[in-house]
Amino acid sequence: MIIAFIILAVLAVAAFVFAYKKGDGSHTLGFRIAGNTFINTAPLLFIAFMLAGFMQVVIPPELIKNWLGEEAGLKGIFIGSIGGALIPGGPYIAFPVIATIFKAGAGLGTAVACVTGWALWGVITTMFELAIIGHRFTFLRLGLVLIFPPFAGILANLCF
């Protein structure tokens, strides 16, 4: 996490310097936009982290190991793929939830399948895509990526 923090900090400082050198007050506007974004997303982040925290104490580790652990094999990978697709929202919700499940005993392949399912099969995203872009595009895209979440999980298990 420290590497991601450093990269983001360097990018933010570079963007600030660039905005400041424009000389038109862009740096001030950038801080204002950043503050508004923080105020708008902080409650959602807090709820996502609460969910992740409570999942660790509510869901018995044996349940996760039996259904999603290494011993679960393909069953865990398919459940992870579908479970990932059902996680609503962006990465600020999905990653804390998936990390919690992984730390509680889900297998590596299952976690990879879950992230890939969220990214490629996301139900909420697919609904927006269907409404905005249309059914032809959506069904073609889903058909093309259908095998990837389980395949990614299987491949992760084979490689590691």
C-alpha atoms as a PDB file:
ATOM      1  CA  MET A   1       0.000   0.000   0.000  1.00  0.00           C
ATOM      2  CA  ILE A   2       2.927   2.331   0.666  1.00  0.00           C
ATOM      3  CA  ILE A   3       4.034   2.125  -2.974  1.00  0.00           C
ATOM      4  CA  ALA A   4       0.567   3.125  -4.214  1.00  0.00           C
ATOM      5  CA  PHE A   5       0.553   5.983  -1.696  1.00  0.00           C
ATOM      6  CA  ILE A   6       3.949   7.239  -2.881  1.00  0.00           C
ATOM      7  CA  ILE A   7       2.945   7.052  -6.553  1.00  0.00           C
ATOM      8  CA  LEU A   8      -0.305   8.926  -5.933  1.00  0.00           C
ATOM      9  CA  ALA A   9       1.483  11.532  -3.800  1.00  0.00           C
ATOM     10  CA  VAL A  10       4.092  12.158  -6.501  1.00  0.00           C
ATOM     11  CA  LEU A  11       1.365  12.471  -9.147  1.00  0.00           C
ATOM     12  CA  ALA A  12      -0.644  14.850  -6.945  1.00  0.00           C
ATOM     13  CA  VAL A  13       2.388  17.062  -6.258  1.00  0.00           C
ATOM     14  CA  ALA A  14       3.258  17.111  -9.977  1.00  0.00           C
ATOM     15  CA  ALA A  15      -0.328  18.057 -10.856  1.00  0.00           C
ATOM     16  CA  PHE A  16      -0.262  20.798  -8.195  1.00  0.00           C
ATOM     17  CA  VAL A  17       2.991  22.226  -9.562  1.00  0.00           C
ATOM     18  CA  PHE A  18       1.623  22.160 -13.101  1.00  0.00           C
ATOM     19  CA  ALA A  19      -1.616  23.877 -12.005  1.00  0.00           C
ATOM     20  CA  TYR A  20       0.293  26.458  -9.955  1.00  0.00           C
ATOM     21  CA  LYS A  21       2.594  27.324 -12.853  1.00  0.00           C
ATOM     22  CA  LYS A  22      -0.420  28.066 -15.049  1.00  0.00           C
ATOM     23  CA  GLY A  23      -0.785  31.201 -12.958  1.00  0.00           C
ATOM     24  CA  ASP A  24      -4.570  31.364 -13.202  1.00  0.00           C
ATOM     25  CA  GLY A  25      -5.538  30.010  -9.784  1.00  0.00           C
ATOM     26  CA  SER A  26      -6.028  26.474 -11.059  1.00  0.00           C
ATOM     27  CA  HIS A  27      -4.245  25.104  -7.996  1.00  0.00           C
ATOM     28  CA  THR A  28      -6.862  26.693  -5.725  1.00  0.00           C
ATOM     29  CA  LEU A  29      -9.689  25.301  -7.823  1.00  0.00           C
ATOM     30  CA  GLY A  30      -7.978  21.895  -7.723  1.00  0.00           C
ATOM     31  CA  PHE A  31      -7.930  21.961  -3.903  1.00  0.00           C
ATOM     32  CA  ARG A  32     -11.609  22.989  -3.840  1.00  0.00           C
ATOM     33  CA  ILE A  33     -12.584  20.129  -6.191  1.00  0.00           C
ATOM     34  CA  ALA A  34     -10.483  17.679  -4.161  1.00  0.00           C
ATOM     35  CA  GLY A  35     -12.183  18.785  -0.945  1.00  0.00           C
ATOM     36  CA  ASN A  36     -15.654  18.401  -2.446  1.00  0.00           C
ATOM     37  CA  THR A  37     -14.759  14.964  -3.782  1.00  0.00           C
ATOM     38  CA  PHE A  38     -13.499  13.932  -0.347  1.00  0.00           C
ATOM     39  CA  ILE A  39     -16.647  15.223   1.382  1.00  0.00           C
ATOM     40  CA  ASN A  40     -18.864  13.384  -1.118  1.00  0.00           C
ATOM     41  CA  THR A  41     -17.009  10.059  -1.032  1.00  0.00           C
ATOM     42  CA  ALA A  42     -15.922   9.875   2.633  1.00  0.00           C
ATOM     43  CA  PRO A  43     -19.284   8.519   3.875  1.00  0.00           C
ATOM     44  CA  LEU A  44     -19.248   5.813   1.189  1.00  0.00           C
ATOM     45  CA  LEU A  45     -15.659   4.866   2.035  1.00  0.00           C
ATOM     46  CA  PHE A  46     -16.515   4.726   5.727  1.00  0.00           C
ATOM     47  CA  ILE A  47     -19.477   2.421   5.079  1.00  0.00           C
ATOM     48  CA  ALA A  48     -17.393   0.180   2.781  1.00  0.00           C
ATOM     49  CA  PHE A  49     -14.670  -0.134   5.433  1.00  0.00           C
ATOM     50  CA  MET A  50     -17.302  -0.826   8.100  1.00  0.00           C
ATOM     51  CA  LEU A  51     -18.754  -3.582   5.916  1.00  0.00           C
ATOM     52  CA  ALA A  52     -15.301  -5.064   5.400  1.00  0.00           C
ATOM     53  CA  GLY A  53     -14.564  -4.917   9.124  1.00  0.00           C
ATOM     54  CA  PHE A  54     -17.849  -6.473  10.177  1.00  0.00           C
ATOM     55  CA  MET A  55     -17.495  -9.206   7.574  1.00  0.00           C
ATOM     56  CA  GLN A  56     -14.323 -10.288   9.370  1.00  0.00           C
ATOM     57  CA  VAL A  57     -16.131 -10.749  12.669  1.00  0.00           C
ATOM     58  CA  VAL A  58     -19.537 -11.959  11.427  1.00  0.00           C
ATOM     59  CA  ILE A  59     -18.663 -14.530   8.769  1.00  0.00           C
ATOM     60  CA  PRO A  60     -17.099 -17.638  10.318  1.00  0.00           C
ATOM     61  CA  PRO A  61     -13.656 -18.330   8.823  1.00  0.00           C
ATOM     62  CA  GLU A  62     -14.626 -22.010   8.402  1.00  0.00           C
ATOM     63  CA  LEU A  63     -17.468 -20.973   6.099  1.00  0.00           C
ATOM     64  CA  ILE A  64     -15.145 -18.937   3.921  1.00  0.00           C
ATOM     65  CA  LYS A  65     -12.523 -21.705   3.858  1.00  0.00           C
ATOM     66  CA  ASN A  66     -15.119 -24.368   2.947  1.00  0.00           C
ATOM     67  CA  TRP A  67     -16.814 -22.352   0.209  1.00  0.00           C
ATOM     68  CA  LEU A  68     -14.017 -20.094  -1.026  1.00  0.00           C
ATOM     69  CA  GLY A  69     -10.749 -21.561   0.257  1.00  0.00           C
ATOM     70  CA  GLU A  70      -8.134 -23.516  -1.663  1.00  0.00           C
ATOM     71  CA  GLU A  71      -9.973 -26.741  -0.753  1.00  0.00           C
ATOM     72  CA  ALA A  72     -13.121 -25.501  -2.496  1.00  0.00           C
ATOM     73  CA  GLY A  73     -11.374 -25.761  -5.881  1.00  0.00           C
ATOM     74  CA  LEU A  74     -13.502 -24.878  -8.901  1.00  0.00           C
ATOM     75  CA  LYS A  75     -16.569 -24.336  -6.734  1.00  0.00           C
ATOM     76  CA  GLY A  76     -14.788 -21.506  -4.907  1.00  0.00           C
ATOM     77  CA  ILE A  77     -13.568 -19.987  -8.166  1.00  0.00           C
ATOM     78  CA  PHE A  78     -17.063 -19.954  -9.676  1.00  0.00           C
ATOM     79  CA  ILE A  79     -18.596 -18.567  -6.477  1.00  0.00           C
ATOM     80  CA  GLY A  80     -15.873 -15.905  -6.399  1.00  0.00           C
ATOM     81  CA  SER A  81     -16.534 -14.976 -10.033  1.00  0.00           C
ATOM     82  CA  ILE A  82     -20.258 -14.561  -9.448  1.00  0.00           C
ATOM     83  CA  GLY A  83     -19.792 -12.925  -6.058  1.00  0.00           C
ATOM     84  CA  GLY A  84     -17.437 -10.377  -7.574  1.00  0.00           C
ATOM     85  CA  ALA A  85     -19.992  -9.553 -10.249  1.00  0.00           C
ATOM     86  CA  LEU A  86     -22.568  -8.849  -7.546  1.00  0.00           C
ATOM     87  CA  ILE A  87     -20.446  -6.369  -5.585  1.00  0.00           C
ATOM     88  CA  PRO A  88     -21.928  -2.933  -6.249  1.00  0.00           C
ATOM     89  CA  GLY A  89     -19.908   0.214  -6.704  1.00  0.00           C
ATOM     90  CA  GLY A  90     -16.375   1.100  -7.543  1.00  0.00           C
ATOM     91  CA  PRO A  91     -13.015  -0.087  -6.275  1.00  0.00           C
ATOM     92  CA  TYR A  92     -13.440   1.751  -2.962  1.00  0.00           C
ATOM     93  CA  ILE A  93     -16.186  -0.763  -2.148  1.00  0.00           C
ATOM     94  CA  ALA A  94     -15.055  -3.866  -4.015  1.00  0.00           C
ATOM     95  CA  PHE A  95     -11.430  -4.052  -2.896  1.00  0.00           C
ATOM     96  CA  PRO A  96     -12.019  -3.770   0.864  1.00  0.00           C
ATOM     97  CA  VAL A  97     -14.702  -6.468   0.618  1.00  0.00           C
ATOM     98  CA  ILE A  98     -12.550  -8.779  -1.520  1.00  0.00           C
ATOM     99  CA  ALA A  99      -9.496  -8.169   0.689  1.00  0.00           C
ATOM    100  CA  THR A 100     -11.539  -9.104   3.753  1.00  0.00           C
ATOM    101  CA  ILE A 101     -12.705 -12.339   2.173  1.00  0.00           C
ATOM    102  CA  PHE A 102      -9.151 -13.148   1.062  1.00  0.00           C
ATOM    103  CA  LYS A 103      -7.682 -12.448   4.522  1.00  0.00           C
ATOM    104  CA  ALA A 104     -10.406 -14.587   6.079  1.00  0.00           C
ATOM    105  CA  GLY A 105      -9.276 -17.639   4.116  1.00  0.00           C
ATOM    106  CA  ALA A 106     -10.487 -17.430   0.535  1.00  0.00           C
ATOM    107  CA  GLY A 107      -8.035 -18.951  -1.915  1.00  0.00           C
ATOM    108  CA  LEU A 108      -5.843 -16.878  -4.186  1.00  0.00           C
ATOM    109  CA  GLY A 109      -7.640 -18.177  -7.285  1.00  0.00           C
ATOM    110  CA  THR A 110     -10.984 -17.307  -5.753  1.00  0.00           C
ATOM    111  CA  ALA A 111      -9.853 -13.767  -4.914  1.00  0.00           C
ATOM    112  CA  VAL A 112      -8.476 -13.279  -8.430  1.00  0.00           C
ATOM    113  CA  ALA A 113     -11.745 -14.603  -9.896  1.00  0.00           C
ATOM    114  CA  CYS A 114     -13.687 -12.262  -7.621  1.00  0.00           C
ATOM    115  CA  VAL A 115     -11.748  -9.166  -8.702  1.00  0.00           C
ATOM    116  CA  THR A 116     -11.986 -10.201 -12.347  1.00  0.00           C
ATOM    117  CA  GLY A 117     -15.714 -10.952 -12.026  1.00  0.00           C
ATOM    118  CA  TRP A 118     -16.274  -7.542 -10.467  1.00  0.00           C
ATOM    119  CA  ALA A 119     -14.312  -5.821 -13.234  1.00  0.00           C
ATOM    120  CA  LEU A 120     -15.764  -7.724 -16.204  1.00  0.00           C
ATOM    121  CA  TRP A 121     -19.198  -8.964 -15.147  1.00  0.00           C
ATOM    122  CA  GLY A 122     -20.281  -6.229 -12.696  1.00  0.00           C
ATOM    123  CA  VAL A 123     -24.074  -6.335 -12.564  1.00  0.00           C
ATOM    124  CA  ILE A 124     -24.488  -2.643 -11.765  1.00  0.00           C
ATOM    125  CA  THR A 125     -22.047  -1.599 -14.495  1.00  0.00           C
ATOM    126  CA  THR A 126     -23.698  -3.963 -16.947  1.00  0.00           C
ATOM    127  CA  MET A 127     -27.110  -2.416 -16.249  1.00  0.00           C
ATOM    128  CA  PHE A 128     -25.772   1.064 -17.044  1.00  0.00           C
ATOM    129  CA  GLU A 129     -23.992  -0.267 -20.118  1.00  0.00           C
ATOM    130  CA  LEU A 130     -27.190  -1.940 -21.316  1.00  0.00           C
ATOM    131  CA  ALA A 131     -29.247   1.214 -20.825  1.00  0.00           C
ATOM    132  CA  ILE A 132     -26.743   3.647 -22.311  1.00  0.00           C
ATOM    133  CA  ILE A 133     -24.838   1.725 -24.989  1.00  0.00           C
ATOM    134  CA  GLY A 134     -27.444  -0.863 -25.887  1.00  0.00           C
ATOM    135  CA  HIS A 135     -28.094  -4.594 -25.767  1.00  0.00           C
ATOM    136  CA  ARG A 136     -26.103  -5.531 -28.858  1.00  0.00           C
ATOM    137  CA  PHE A 137     -22.853  -4.102 -27.517  1.00  0.00           C
ATOM    138  CA  THR A 138     -23.466  -5.340 -23.958  1.00  0.00           C
ATOM    139  CA  PHE A 139     -24.230  -8.932 -24.938  1.00  0.00           C
ATOM    140  CA  LEU A 140     -21.286  -9.038 -27.339  1.00  0.00           C
ATOM    141  CA  ARG A 141     -18.914  -7.748 -24.642  1.00  0.00           C
ATOM    142  CA  LEU A 142     -20.268 -10.149 -22.036  1.00  0.00           C
ATOM    143  CA  GLY A 143     -19.964 -13.036 -24.475  1.00  0.00           C
ATOM    144  CA  LEU A 144     -16.352 -12.151 -25.162  1.00  0.00           C
ATOM    145  CA  VAL A 145     -15.380 -11.915 -21.476  1.00  0.00           C
ATOM    146  CA  LEU A 146     -17.553 -14.738 -20.150  1.00  0.00           C
ATOM    147  CA  ILE A 147     -14.736 -17.196 -19.508  1.00  0.00           C
ATOM    148  CA  PHE A 148     -12.163 -14.774 -18.101  1.00  0.00           C
ATOM    149  CA  PRO A 149     -13.044 -14.544 -14.379  1.00  0.00           C
ATOM    150  CA  PRO A 150     -13.045 -18.338 -13.825  1.00  0.00           C
ATOM    151  CA  PHE A 151     -10.077 -18.731 -16.170  1.00  0.00           C
ATOM    152  CA  ALA A 152      -8.117 -16.066 -14.268  1.00  0.00           C
ATOM    153  CA  GLY A 153      -8.875 -17.846 -10.988  1.00  0.00           C
ATOM    154  CA  ILE A 154      -7.809 -21.225 -12.341  1.00  0.00           C
ATOM    155  CA  LEU A 155      -4.650 -19.733 -13.818  1.00  0.00           C
ATOM    156  CA  ALA A 156      -3.818 -18.012 -10.500  1.00  0.00           C
ATOM    157  CA  ASN A 157      -4.129 -21.359  -8.700  1.00  0.00           C
ATOM    158  CA  LEU A 158      -1.924 -23.076 -11.259  1.00  0.00           C
ATOM    159  CA  CYS A 159       0.768 -20.390 -11.157  1.00  0.00           C
ATOM    160  CA  PHE A 160       0.868 -19.961  -7.392  1.00  0.00           C
END
